[in-house]
Amino acid sequence: LAKATDEYEREKVAREMVAENVDGQWEVLKKVFATEKGESGSDARTGILRGLGDAPATQAKARRLAELLEDPANEVLFTQENRTMGMDMYRNWAVASVNAIAGKEVMGQAVKEGLSRQRWKCVVPWRSVDLRSTAKQAILKSRG
């Protein structure tokens, strides 16, 4: 990953690292997630989020995805306005990965679109939902 400079190449390598050994690679992946620059929606962070949602769903992937969602340092990344094409891809892949790990749609379009910087809690038709706790509960319950 250190040698990959192209955003798409970084995405691919990070996704492969998750697939190969998420727990063994986690310290590196977590550091890359925290320090990756740019807002394009196609970089190592996207690869990490996509990899966490890839089959097979495991407890390790569920724990790591919940960790990223719960980290207050990632709030802006997951709620940023889509000012240029692709900036919402981190949020989209996080929601897709939660649903993939849960094995069903637990976070729908209303949740995905309802996120904003001002409102980490988003309103869905029937109640107010905290993305972080909803995601964590869904992914951890679904995989025992």
Protein backbone atom coordinates (compact mmCIF):
# COMPACT_ATOMS: atom_id res chain seq x y z
CA LEU A 1 0.00 0.00 0.00
CA ALA A 2 2.89 2.34 0.72
CA LYS A 3 4.08 2.02 -2.89
CA ALA A 4 0.65 2.58 -4.45
CA THR A 5 0.18 6.20 -5.43
CA ASP A 6 -2.85 6.07 -7.74
CA GLU A 7 -6.17 6.36 -5.86
CA TYR A 8 -7.72 3.35 -7.59
CA GLU A 9 -4.63 1.25 -6.98
CA ARG A 10 -4.69 2.22 -3.29
CA GLU A 11 -8.37 1.22 -3.12
CA LYS A 12 -7.64 -2.18 -4.65
CA VAL A 13 -4.65 -2.91 -2.40
CA ALA A 14 -6.51 -1.88 0.77
CA ARG A 15 -9.48 -4.06 -0.19
CA GLU A 16 -7.15 -7.02 -0.73
CA MET A 17 -5.51 -6.42 2.65
CA VAL A 18 -8.92 -6.60 4.33
CA ALA A 19 -9.74 -9.80 2.45
CA GLU A 20 -6.46 -11.49 3.26
CA ASN A 21 -6.18 -10.80 6.98
CA VAL A 22 -8.26 -7.98 8.44
CA ASP A 23 -7.10 -8.55 12.02
CA GLY A 24 -3.43 -8.95 11.13
CA GLN A 25 -3.47 -5.88 8.90
CA TRP A 26 -5.79 -3.75 11.03
CA GLU A 27 -3.23 -1.42 12.61
CA VAL A 28 -1.92 -0.46 9.17
CA LEU A 29 -5.43 -0.19 7.68
CA LYS A 30 -6.66 1.93 10.58
CA LYS A 31 -3.69 4.28 10.22
CA VAL A 32 -4.23 4.57 6.47
CA PHE A 33 -7.96 5.24 7.01
CA ALA A 34 -7.10 8.05 9.41
CA THR A 35 -4.37 9.65 7.30
CA GLU A 36 -5.58 9.19 3.72
CA LYS A 37 -5.90 12.54 1.96
CA GLY A 38 -8.54 13.65 -0.49
CA GLU A 39 -12.30 13.50 -0.75
CA SER A 40 -12.79 11.75 -4.07
CA GLY A 41 -14.48 8.66 -2.70
CA SER A 42 -12.03 6.38 -4.46
CA ASP A 43 -8.98 5.73 -2.35
CA ALA A 44 -7.72 3.36 0.32
CA ARG A 45 -10.62 4.29 2.65
CA THR A 46 -13.10 3.16 0.02
CA GLY A 47 -11.18 -0.08 -0.39
CA ILE A 48 -11.26 -0.69 3.35
CA LEU A 49 -15.01 0.00 3.58
CA ARG A 50 -15.77 -2.16 0.55
CA GLY A 51 -13.53 -4.96 1.80
CA LEU A 52 -15.29 -5.00 5.17
CA GLY A 53 -18.58 -5.63 3.35
CA ASP A 54 -17.24 -8.28 1.01
CA ALA A 55 -18.18 -11.93 1.57
CA PRO A 56 -17.61 -13.79 3.69
CA ALA A 57 -19.07 -11.71 6.50
CA THR A 58 -17.09 -12.32 9.69
CA GLN A 59 -17.11 -11.09 13.26
CA ALA A 60 -13.70 -9.54 12.65
CA LYS A 61 -15.05 -7.45 9.76
CA ALA A 62 -18.14 -6.51 11.77
CA ARG A 63 -16.01 -5.34 14.70
CA ARG A 64 -13.70 -3.30 12.49
CA LEU A 65 -16.56 -1.66 10.58
CA ALA A 66 -18.27 -0.76 13.86
CA GLU A 67 -14.97 0.67 15.09
CA LEU A 68 -14.70 2.97 12.07
CA LEU A 69 -18.32 4.08 12.36
CA GLU A 70 -18.02 4.78 16.08
CA ASP A 71 -14.83 6.80 15.80
CA PRO A 72 -15.75 10.50 16.15
CA ALA A 73 -12.77 11.38 13.96
CA ASN A 74 -14.62 9.81 11.01
CA GLU A 75 -17.87 11.71 11.49
CA VAL A 76 -17.04 14.38 8.91
CA LEU A 77 -15.99 11.76 6.36
CA PHE A 78 -19.28 9.89 6.69
CA THR A 79 -21.46 13.00 6.71
CA GLN A 80 -19.71 15.34 4.27
CA GLU A 81 -21.78 17.08 1.66
CA ASN A 82 -21.41 15.72 -1.85
CA ARG A 83 -19.92 18.96 -3.22
CA THR A 84 -18.10 17.11 -5.99
CA MET A 85 -18.94 13.75 -7.47
CA GLY A 86 -17.83 10.88 -5.27
CA MET A 87 -17.60 12.64 -1.92
CA ASP A 88 -20.56 10.63 -0.63
CA MET A 89 -18.98 7.30 -1.55
CA TYR A 90 -17.54 6.76 1.93
CA ARG A 91 -21.03 6.98 3.40
CA ASN A 92 -22.48 4.83 0.60
CA TRP A 93 -19.89 2.07 1.06
CA ALA A 94 -20.22 2.17 4.85
CA VAL A 95 -24.00 1.69 4.58
CA ALA A 96 -23.59 -1.01 1.92
CA SER A 97 -21.10 -2.86 4.13
CA VAL A 98 -23.37 -2.68 7.17
CA ASN A 99 -26.19 -4.16 5.09
CA ALA A 100 -23.90 -6.84 3.61
CA ILE A 101 -22.66 -7.95 7.02
CA ALA A 102 -26.19 -7.93 8.43
CA GLY A 103 -27.35 -10.02 5.49
CA LYS A 104 -30.30 -7.71 4.89
CA GLU A 105 -31.06 -4.04 4.49
CA VAL A 106 -30.90 -2.52 7.95
CA MET A 107 -29.87 0.91 6.73
CA GLY A 108 -31.84 2.16 3.77
CA GLN A 109 -31.73 5.10 1.41
CA ALA A 110 -33.46 7.38 3.91
CA VAL A 111 -30.66 6.81 6.38
CA LYS A 112 -27.98 7.24 3.74
CA GLU A 113 -29.42 10.49 2.44
CA GLY A 114 -30.40 11.84 5.85
CA LEU A 115 -26.89 12.20 7.16
CA SER A 116 -25.37 15.61 7.39
CA ARG A 117 -22.56 17.27 9.28
CA GLN A 118 -25.03 19.13 11.46
CA ARG A 119 -26.99 16.01 12.22
CA TRP A 120 -25.14 12.75 12.86
CA LYS A 121 -28.49 11.44 13.97
CA CYS A 122 -30.71 11.11 10.98
CA VAL A 123 -34.46 10.97 10.77
CA VAL A 124 -36.14 8.04 9.11
CA PRO A 125 -39.92 7.87 8.74
CA TRP A 126 -40.62 6.01 11.95
CA ARG A 127 -37.95 7.22 14.40
CA SER A 128 -34.67 8.99 14.92
CA VAL A 129 -31.73 6.66 14.45
CA ASP A 130 -28.14 7.01 15.56
CA LEU A 131 -26.11 5.62 12.67
CA ARG A 132 -23.25 4.41 14.80
CA SER A 133 -25.30 2.45 17.34
CA THR A 134 -27.73 1.14 14.71
CA ALA A 135 -24.90 -0.11 12.54
CA LYS A 136 -23.03 -1.66 15.42
CA GLN A 137 -26.12 -3.43 16.76
CA ALA A 138 -27.11 -4.69 13.32
CA ILE A 139 -23.75 -6.05 12.30
CA LEU A 140 -22.85 -7.58 15.65
CA LYS A 141 -26.28 -9.17 16.23
CA SER A 142 -26.45 -10.60 12.74
CA ARG A 143 -23.23 -12.55 13.10
CA GLY A 144 -23.63 -13.84 16.63
